[in-house]
Protein backbone atom coordinates (compact mmCIF):
# COMPACT_ATOMS: atom_id res chain seq x y z
CA UNK A 1 10.68 -22.75 20.09
CA UNK A 2 12.10 -21.21 23.33
CA UNK A 3 12.60 -17.48 23.34
CA UNK A 4 15.90 -16.02 24.29
CA UNK A 5 15.23 -12.94 26.63
CA UNK A 6 18.47 -11.27 25.48
CA UNK A 7 17.74 -11.78 21.81
CA UNK A 8 14.20 -10.75 22.34
CA UNK A 9 15.29 -7.48 23.97
CA UNK A 10 17.68 -6.77 21.12
CA UNK A 11 14.94 -7.44 18.52
CA UNK A 12 12.67 -5.05 20.32
CA UNK A 13 15.38 -2.38 20.37
CA UNK A 14 15.93 -2.87 16.62
CA UNK A 15 12.22 -2.52 16.10
CA UNK A 16 11.94 0.62 18.10
CA UNK A 17 14.83 2.15 16.28
CA UNK A 18 12.99 1.66 13.05
CA UNK A 19 9.43 2.55 14.32
CA UNK A 20 9.12 5.90 12.60
CA UNK A 21 6.26 6.33 10.24
CA UNK A 22 2.56 6.85 10.14
CA UNK A 23 -0.01 5.11 12.35
CA UNK A 24 -0.68 2.32 9.78
CA UNK A 25 2.98 1.34 9.80
CA UNK A 26 3.24 1.52 13.56
CA UNK A 27 0.17 -0.63 13.90
CA UNK A 28 1.69 -3.23 11.55
CA UNK A 29 5.05 -3.05 13.26
CA UNK A 30 3.42 -3.60 16.68
CA UNK A 31 1.28 -6.41 15.35
CA UNK A 32 4.34 -8.05 13.80
CA UNK A 33 6.23 -7.78 17.05
CA UNK A 34 3.27 -9.43 18.82
CA UNK A 35 3.12 -12.23 16.26
CA UNK A 36 6.78 -12.97 16.59
CA UNK A 37 6.47 -13.09 20.42
CA UNK A 38 3.52 -15.32 20.29
CA UNK A 39 5.18 -17.79 17.84
CA UNK A 40 8.29 -17.94 19.86
CA UNK A 41 6.31 -19.04 22.73
CA UNK A 42 4.40 -21.68 20.68
CA UNK A 43 1.02 -20.09 21.67
CA UNK A 44 -1.85 -20.43 19.23
CA UNK A 45 -4.03 -17.55 18.19
CA UNK A 46 -7.00 -19.22 19.79
CA UNK A 47 -5.19 -19.29 23.23
CA UNK A 48 -3.91 -15.78 22.81
CA UNK A 49 -7.50 -14.62 22.01
CA UNK A 50 -8.78 -16.48 25.17
CA UNK A 51 -6.21 -14.61 27.25
CA UNK A 52 -7.73 -11.19 26.24
CA UNK A 53 -11.23 -12.33 26.08
CA UNK A 54 -11.49 -12.16 22.34
CA UNK A 55 -11.49 -14.46 19.36
CA UNK A 56 -8.59 -15.84 17.30
CA UNK A 57 -9.79 -13.67 14.50
CA UNK A 58 -9.16 -10.54 16.55
CA UNK A 59 -5.60 -11.72 17.27
CA UNK A 60 -5.11 -12.21 13.57
CA UNK A 61 -6.30 -8.62 12.81
CA UNK A 62 -4.11 -7.22 15.64
CA UNK A 63 -1.07 -9.10 14.20
CA UNK A 64 -1.79 -7.64 10.61
CA UNK A 65 -2.28 -4.09 12.05
CA UNK A 66 -5.76 -3.92 10.85
CA UNK A 67 -7.36 -2.82 14.01
CA UNK A 68 -6.47 -0.30 16.84
CA UNK A 69 -4.88 -1.60 20.08
CA UNK A 70 -6.20 -1.49 23.50
CA UNK A 71 -3.60 -0.91 26.25
CA UNK A 72 -5.01 -3.79 28.36
CA UNK A 73 -5.00 -6.26 25.53
CA UNK A 74 -1.37 -5.60 24.58
CA UNK A 75 -0.36 -5.67 28.26
CA UNK A 76 -2.06 -9.03 28.81
CA UNK A 77 -0.45 -10.42 25.72
CA UNK A 78 3.02 -9.36 26.71
CA UNK A 79 2.51 -11.09 30.11
CA UNK A 80 1.24 -14.21 28.30
CA UNK A 81 4.29 -14.13 25.96
CA UNK A 82 6.69 -13.84 28.89
CA UNK A 83 7.89 -10.28 28.22
CA UNK A 84 8.97 -9.46 31.78
CA UNK A 85 11.66 -6.78 31.06
CA UNK A 86 10.11 -3.49 32.30
CA UNK A 87 11.99 -1.31 29.63
CA UNK A 88 10.92 -3.56 26.79
CA UNK A 89 7.23 -3.60 28.00
CA UNK A 90 6.96 0.15 28.45
CA UNK A 91 8.57 0.75 25.08
CA UNK A 92 6.03 -1.42 23.34
CA UNK A 93 3.01 -0.12 25.31
CA UNK A 94 4.30 3.45 24.56
CA UNK A 95 3.76 2.85 20.95
CA UNK A 96 -0.10 2.27 21.31
CA UNK A 97 -1.19 5.97 21.34
CA UNK A 98 0.84 6.72 18.22
CA UNK A 99 -0.30 3.49 16.43
CA UNK A 100 -3.93 4.41 17.18
CA UNK A 101 -3.66 7.95 15.76
CA UNK A 102 -5.71 8.84 12.65
CA UNK A 103 -3.95 9.59 9.34
CA UNK A 104 -4.88 12.52 7.01
CA UNK A 105 -7.08 10.21 4.96
CA UNK A 106 -9.63 9.80 7.87
CA UNK A 107 -11.01 13.25 6.95
CA UNK A 108 -12.40 11.48 3.99
CA UNK A 109 -14.11 8.74 5.94
CA UNK A 110 -17.46 9.54 4.65
CA UNK A 111 -16.40 8.44 1.10
CA UNK A 112 -13.40 6.17 1.90
CA UNK A 113 -14.30 2.45 1.94
CA UNK A 114 -12.83 1.03 5.25
CA UNK A 115 -10.83 -1.69 3.33
CA UNK A 116 -9.17 0.98 1.35
CA UNK A 117 -8.11 3.08 4.21
CA UNK A 118 -5.56 0.43 5.17
CA UNK A 119 -4.03 0.65 1.71
CA UNK A 120 -3.79 4.48 1.78
CA UNK A 121 -1.91 4.21 5.16
CA UNK A 122 0.47 1.64 3.75
CA UNK A 123 1.00 3.75 0.57
CA UNK A 124 1.74 6.77 2.58
CA UNK A 125 4.61 4.91 4.41
CA UNK A 126 5.96 3.01 1.46
CA UNK A 127 9.36 3.77 0.01
CA UNK A 128 8.72 1.90 -3.20
CA UNK A 129 5.48 0.98 -4.99
CA UNK A 130 5.34 -1.41 -7.92
CA UNK A 131 1.95 -1.56 -9.81
CA UNK A 132 0.42 -3.25 -12.71
CA UNK A 133 -2.88 -2.01 -13.99
CA UNK A 134 -5.08 -3.29 -16.80
CA UNK A 135 -8.29 -1.22 -16.40
CA UNK A 136 -7.36 2.24 -15.49
CA UNK A 137 -4.31 4.41 -15.22
CA UNK A 138 -3.02 3.86 -11.73
CA UNK A 139 -4.52 6.31 -9.14
CA UNK A 140 -1.14 7.75 -8.32
CA UNK A 141 -0.71 8.75 -11.95
CA UNK A 142 -4.19 9.92 -12.86
CA UNK A 143 -4.85 13.52 -13.93
CA UNK A 144 -7.68 15.31 -11.97
CA UNK A 145 -10.15 15.26 -15.00
CA UNK A 146 -9.48 11.55 -15.69
CA UNK A 147 -9.83 10.68 -11.97
CA UNK A 148 -13.12 12.46 -11.89
CA UNK A 149 -14.37 10.57 -14.94
CA UNK A 150 -13.30 7.27 -13.41
CA UNK A 151 -14.87 8.02 -9.98
CA UNK A 152 -18.09 9.05 -11.68
CA UNK A 153 -18.54 5.48 -12.80
CA UNK A 154 -18.36 4.17 -9.22
CA UNK A 155 -21.57 2.96 -7.56
CA UNK A 156 -20.42 4.43 -4.29
CA UNK A 157 -20.11 7.98 -5.52
CA UNK A 158 -23.69 9.14 -5.11
CA UNK A 159 -23.34 12.82 -5.36
CA UNK A 160 -21.24 15.66 -6.88
CA UNK A 161 -19.92 16.25 -3.32
CA UNK A 162 -18.84 12.60 -2.97
CA UNK A 163 -17.09 12.75 -6.30
CA UNK A 164 -15.26 16.02 -5.45
CA UNK A 165 -14.13 14.57 -2.08
CA UNK A 166 -12.74 11.45 -3.67
CA UNK A 167 -10.98 13.35 -6.48
CA UNK A 168 -9.50 15.59 -3.82
CA UNK A 169 -8.33 12.59 -1.81
CA UNK A 170 -6.66 11.04 -4.88
CA UNK A 171 -4.81 14.17 -5.63
CA UNK A 172 -3.66 14.39 -2.05
CA UNK A 173 -2.19 10.82 -2.32
CA UNK A 174 -0.02 11.97 -5.25
CA UNK A 175 1.69 14.79 -3.31
CA UNK A 176 4.41 12.49 -1.97
CA UNK A 177 5.47 11.62 -5.57
CA UNK A 178 6.20 15.23 -6.38
CA UNK A 179 7.84 16.57 -3.27
CA UNK A 180 10.27 19.25 -4.39
CA UNK A 181 13.60 19.72 -2.85
CA UNK A 182 13.15 16.67 -0.82
CA UNK A 183 16.27 16.80 1.38
CA UNK A 184 15.09 13.83 3.56
CA UNK A 185 14.44 11.67 0.43
CA UNK A 186 11.03 10.79 1.51
CA UNK A 187 9.37 10.74 -1.95
CA UNK A 188 8.58 7.07 -2.78
CA UNK A 189 9.82 5.37 -5.88
CA UNK A 190 6.93 4.34 -8.16
CA UNK A 191 7.31 1.79 -10.91
CA UNK A 192 4.15 1.31 -12.94
CA UNK A 193 3.52 -1.24 -15.73
CA UNK A 194 0.26 -0.22 -17.59
CA UNK A 195 -1.46 -2.47 -20.05
CA UNK A 196 -1.91 -0.94 -23.51
CA UNK A 197 -5.72 -1.58 -23.19
CA UNK A 198 -5.78 1.35 -20.57
CA UNK A 199 -4.67 3.75 -23.27
CA UNK A 200 -7.46 2.63 -25.70
CA UNK A 201 -10.24 2.70 -23.12
CA UNK A 202 -11.71 6.28 -22.92
CA UNK A 203 -12.64 7.82 -19.74
CA UNK A 204 -14.23 11.14 -20.34
CA UNK A 205 -13.93 12.92 -23.73
CA UNK A 206 -10.94 13.19 -26.06
CA UNK A 207 -9.64 16.25 -24.15
CA UNK A 208 -9.59 14.29 -20.90
CA UNK A 209 -7.67 11.50 -22.45
CA UNK A 210 -5.22 13.83 -24.01
CA UNK A 211 -4.67 15.45 -20.69
CA UNK A 212 -4.17 12.15 -19.05
CA UNK A 213 -1.60 10.98 -21.56
CA UNK A 214 0.24 14.32 -21.33
CA UNK A 215 0.20 13.87 -17.54
CA UNK A 216 1.80 10.34 -17.85
CA UNK A 217 4.52 11.76 -20.12
CA UNK A 218 5.24 14.48 -17.60
CA UNK A 219 5.23 12.06 -14.70
CA UNK A 220 7.56 9.56 -16.57
CA UNK A 221 10.30 12.29 -16.60
CA UNK A 222 10.38 12.45 -12.81
CA UNK A 223 13.54 10.72 -11.37
CA UNK A 224 11.47 8.71 -8.91
CA UNK A 225 8.80 7.52 -11.49
CA UNK A 226 9.22 4.75 -14.03
CA UNK A 227 6.48 3.86 -16.44
CA UNK A 228 6.31 0.93 -18.87
CA UNK A 229 3.52 0.18 -21.28
CA UNK A 230 2.76 -3.58 -21.59
CA UNK A 231 1.83 -3.46 -25.40
CA UNK A 232 -0.44 -5.96 -27.17
CA UNK A 233 2.70 -7.04 -29.14
CA UNK A 234 3.97 -8.71 -25.98
CA UNK A 235 1.30 -11.34 -26.32
CA UNK A 236 0.45 -13.33 -23.30
CA UNK A 237 2.23 -12.50 -19.98
CA UNK A 238 2.30 -13.94 -16.36
CA UNK A 239 0.11 -11.11 -14.94
CA UNK A 240 -3.03 -12.01 -17.04
CA UNK A 241 -4.90 -12.62 -13.66
CA UNK A 242 -5.47 -8.89 -12.98
CA UNK A 243 -3.92 -5.73 -11.48
CA UNK A 244 -1.95 -5.71 -8.25
CA UNK A 245 0.49 -3.51 -6.28
CA UNK A 246 3.52 -4.36 -4.26
CA UNK A 247 4.56 -1.92 -1.45
CA UNK A 248 8.01 -1.94 0.16
CA UNK A 249 8.92 0.05 3.22
CA UNK A 250 12.08 1.63 4.63
CA UNK A 251 11.57 -0.14 7.97
CA UNK A 252 13.37 -3.59 7.75
CA UNK A 253 10.93 -5.14 10.25
CA UNK A 254 7.99 -4.62 7.89
CA UNK A 255 7.54 -7.14 4.99
CA UNK A 256 6.53 -6.31 1.51
CA UNK A 257 2.65 -6.13 1.11
CA UNK A 258 0.82 -7.16 -1.95
CA UNK A 259 -2.54 -5.37 -2.42
CA UNK A 260 -5.28 -6.81 -4.65
CA UNK A 261 -8.38 -4.58 -5.01
CA UNK A 262 -11.72 -6.20 -5.67
CA UNK A 263 -15.11 -4.75 -6.35
CA UNK A 264 -16.26 -4.24 -2.68
CA UNK A 265 -13.15 -5.33 -0.78
CA UNK A 266 -9.51 -5.89 -0.87
CA UNK A 267 -6.94 -8.53 -0.17
CA UNK A 268 -3.58 -7.95 1.50
CA UNK A 269 -0.67 -10.49 1.52
CA UNK A 270 2.53 -10.17 3.56
CA UNK A 271 3.75 -13.81 3.78
CA UNK A 272 7.06 -14.23 1.74
CA UNK A 273 5.55 -17.28 -0.25
CA UNK A 274 2.76 -15.05 -1.49
CA UNK A 275 4.72 -11.73 -2.02
CA UNK A 276 7.65 -13.31 -3.76
CA UNK A 277 5.40 -14.85 -6.47
CA UNK A 278 3.93 -11.38 -7.27
CA UNK A 279 7.52 -9.85 -7.22
CA UNK A 280 8.68 -12.33 -9.78
CA UNK A 281 5.58 -11.73 -11.95
CA UNK A 282 6.31 -7.91 -11.78
CA UNK A 283 9.96 -8.64 -12.72
CA UNK A 284 8.82 -10.67 -15.78
CA UNK A 285 6.47 -7.87 -16.79
CA UNK A 286 9.23 -5.31 -16.61
CA UNK A 287 11.55 -7.49 -18.61
CA UNK A 288 8.98 -8.39 -21.29
CA UNK A 289 7.59 -4.83 -21.83
CA UNK A 290 9.23 -2.15 -23.89
CA UNK A 291 11.91 -0.34 -22.02
CA UNK A 292 11.01 2.75 -20.05
CA UNK A 293 12.98 4.75 -22.40
CA UNK A 294 10.52 3.89 -25.09
CA UNK A 295 7.46 4.93 -22.91
CA UNK A 296 7.34 8.51 -24.09
CA UNK A 297 7.31 7.54 -27.78
CA UNK A 298 4.51 5.04 -27.22
CA UNK A 299 2.44 7.66 -25.28
CA UNK A 300 2.95 10.26 -27.96
CA UNK A 301 1.50 7.85 -30.48
CA UNK A 302 -1.62 7.52 -28.30
CA UNK A 303 -1.73 11.26 -27.90
CA UNK A 304 -2.28 11.52 -31.64
CA UNK A 305 -4.91 8.78 -31.45
CA UNK A 306 -7.04 10.80 -28.98
CA UNK A 307 -6.68 14.08 -30.96
CA UNK A 308 -9.81 15.55 -32.54
């Protein structure tokens, strides 16, 4: 494929016009742009890596926005990809400093797994989050006491200070959902489908569970939050493989990202063939589960179950 310099310049201008957001989004946007330029030139990751004295794996991580950028590396790649326009080069190189900046979550680096930091950055920039959970109440919907009970079970929380720090970070993540008088409309839309098993499984004592269910009821009343309960009466459903989240961004150059958390790592998918399957699964879940208008009644029944 031969790149059209005029089209290339226009794509870069469109990219820059939509390059607002936190450092994680900027890294992914810059990486996406580098991937597009490389593919248009028909250059392999191996050859691109050779040009910057690195491996093809580093090129892959750069294109996924999973690592910080060195000015020299980006400059060399732009030369390799035939980006000769001075304005275009300076614009892309000018993003490096902002893309390498640290987000608020880095203050929790002592208790934050490196693989989860990427997700927090994406979550911070997302305009819509769709999530399915079968084990816990989703982190963005957890009450403080419930979060503390869940975190105490983690093998990585080795002290009360670690637990406190992780709870505080989780509460910080929730702030964007409850922005009051949000004139800029930056609060994300959250659509959560929660398996009924979550409401049966106790974390903490009965008081903690009651508080959590009351919190879900309160959150379900917010205009930007939709909660559905995937009841046992549904029988089998296409999400039986486990929990996942889909993040969508206001920046058109950034694809949807699917996040799958594992015990000691996480997987991120941004290819359409992967993300579209999860989107369809979420659509099926939302269609099969009781309507959001029924959620409060279902939760109130579980509130009675955890009384006493």
